[in-house]
Protein backbone atom coordinates (compact mmCIF):
# COMPACT_ATOMS: atom_id res chain seq x y z
CA MET A 1 0.04 -0.10 0.10
CA LYS A 2 3.12 2.22 0.99
CA GLY A 3 4.34 1.87 -2.52
CA LYS A 4 1.24 2.62 -4.30
CA LEU A 5 0.82 5.95 -2.33
CA ALA A 6 4.54 6.79 -3.03
CA PHE A 7 4.02 5.86 -6.71
CA VAL A 8 0.59 8.30 -7.28
CA ALA A 9 2.56 10.84 -5.09
CA GLY A 10 5.74 10.55 -7.44
CA ALA A 11 3.24 11.00 -10.27
CA GLY A 12 1.66 13.87 -9.24
CA LEU A 13 4.44 15.65 -8.45
CA GLY A 14 5.83 14.92 -11.64
CA TYR A 15 2.70 15.79 -13.44
CA LEU A 16 3.09 19.41 -11.50
CA LEU A 17 6.69 20.03 -12.13
CA GLY A 18 6.82 17.95 -15.48
CA THR A 19 4.16 19.84 -17.69
CA ARG A 20 3.06 23.10 -18.03
CA ALA A 21 -0.44 22.87 -16.77
CA GLY A 22 1.11 21.07 -13.77
CA ARG A 23 3.70 24.12 -13.72
CA GLY A 24 0.50 26.66 -13.51
CA GLN A 25 -1.01 24.49 -10.84
CA PHE A 26 1.95 24.63 -8.89
CA GLU A 27 2.59 28.59 -9.25
CA LYS A 28 -0.91 28.79 -7.96
CA ILE A 29 -0.58 25.99 -5.15
CA LYS A 30 2.97 27.79 -4.35
CA GLY A 31 0.98 31.49 -4.47
CA TRP A 32 -1.73 30.03 -1.71
CA ALA A 33 0.74 28.43 0.51
CA ASN A 34 2.84 32.05 0.56
CA ASP A 35 -0.45 33.79 1.01
CA VAL A 36 -1.44 31.42 4.25
CA TRP A 37 2.28 32.08 5.50
CA GLN A 38 2.07 35.81 5.84
CA ASP A 39 -1.54 36.09 6.85
CA PRO A 40 -1.11 37.36 10.59
CA ARG A 41 -2.86 34.88 12.59
CA VAL A 42 -0.46 31.60 11.12
CA GLN A 43 2.47 34.18 11.63
CA GLY A 44 1.08 34.87 15.25
CA TYR A 45 1.06 31.01 16.12
CA VAL A 46 4.54 31.23 14.50
CA GLN A 47 5.80 33.56 17.17
CA ASP A 48 3.51 31.54 19.52
CA VAL A 49 5.40 28.38 18.93
CA GLU A 50 9.01 30.21 18.89
CA GLY A 51 8.43 31.74 22.34
CA GLN A 52 7.45 28.06 23.95
CA ALA A 53 10.24 26.06 22.07
CA THR A 54 12.84 29.03 23.43
CA ALA A 55 11.50 28.66 26.47
CA PHE A 56 11.31 25.02 26.83
CA ALA A 57 15.04 25.19 25.56
CA LYS A 58 16.10 27.58 28.11
CA GLN A 59 13.91 25.38 30.87
CA GLN A 60 15.69 22.14 29.55
CA GLY A 61 18.93 23.12 28.36
CA VAL A 62 20.88 23.14 31.10
CA ALA A 63 19.87 20.11 32.82
CA LEU A 64 20.62 18.40 29.66
CA LYS A 65 23.93 20.16 29.66
CA ASP A 66 24.56 18.99 33.15
CA LYS A 67 23.98 15.39 32.30
CA ALA A 68 26.18 15.56 29.12
CA VAL A 69 28.98 16.62 31.32
CA GLU A 70 28.32 14.04 34.16
CA ALA A 71 28.46 11.51 31.42
CA ALA A 72 31.24 12.53 29.45
CA LYS A 73 33.25 12.58 33.34
CA GLN A 74 32.21 9.12 34.23
CA ALA A 75 33.03 8.07 30.46
CA VAL A 76 36.40 9.38 31.21
CA ALA A 77 36.79 8.00 34.91
CA GLY A 78 36.11 4.32 33.20
CA GLY A 79 32.08 4.00 34.49
CA ALA A 80 29.40 3.86 32.76
CA PRO A 81 27.01 6.54 33.35
CA TRP A 82 23.95 4.34 32.56
CA LYS A 83 25.19 1.20 34.71
CA PRO A 84 25.97 2.69 38.55
CA SER A 85 27.90 0.20 40.30
CA GLY A 86 26.07 -2.49 42.53
CA SER A 87 24.41 -5.60 42.47
CA THR A 88 21.00 -4.56 42.56
CA PRO A 89 18.53 -5.17 39.77
CA GLU A 90 18.15 -1.74 38.87
CA ALA A 91 21.98 -1.44 37.40
CA ASP A 92 20.98 -3.03 34.63
CA ASP A 93 18.38 -0.20 34.13
CA PRO A 94 19.44 1.83 30.75
CA THR A 95 17.33 4.67 31.74
CA PRO A 96 18.64 7.29 34.05
CA ASP A 97 17.07 8.06 37.35
CA VAL A 98 15.35 11.58 37.54
CA ARG A 99 16.77 13.59 40.61
CA ALA A 100 14.30 15.72 43.01
CA GLY A 101 13.87 19.03 42.04
CA GLU A 102 15.20 18.16 38.48
CA PRO A 103 13.33 19.35 35.17
CA VAL A 104 11.78 16.97 33.46
CA ILE A 105 10.89 17.04 29.48
CA ASP A 106 7.55 16.40 29.02
CA VAL A 107 5.41 15.97 26.04
CA GLY A 108 2.88 18.58 27.51
CA ASP A 109 5.25 21.27 27.69
CA ALA A 110 5.49 21.41 23.79
CA ARG A 111 1.80 21.86 23.53
CA THR A 112 0.93 25.22 21.06
CA ARG A 113 -2.21 26.06 22.39
CA PRO A 114 -4.09 24.89 25.70
């Protein structure tokens, strides 16, 4: 099914780019897309998402940097950060534990609108 869909999409794209009528249609689609992109409502959403992405990166960037530095120090020291020393079952767990007060990346933080 994916092969058929890819073929139809490729044939449509070939038509749009390869024929005069297709090029005209492509120019119409391109103009419509440009008009939609320049719409103030769309740009408002774009600015909202950019602001949220910047805030999210600032919030999570420090925590990710700290984890990367800690992992690098452990790697240089010869330890693996995902396998803490000890004989507990958690020692084989590849997921790191979250410390209290440390920011956690949450899918809910990435929402664009409530």
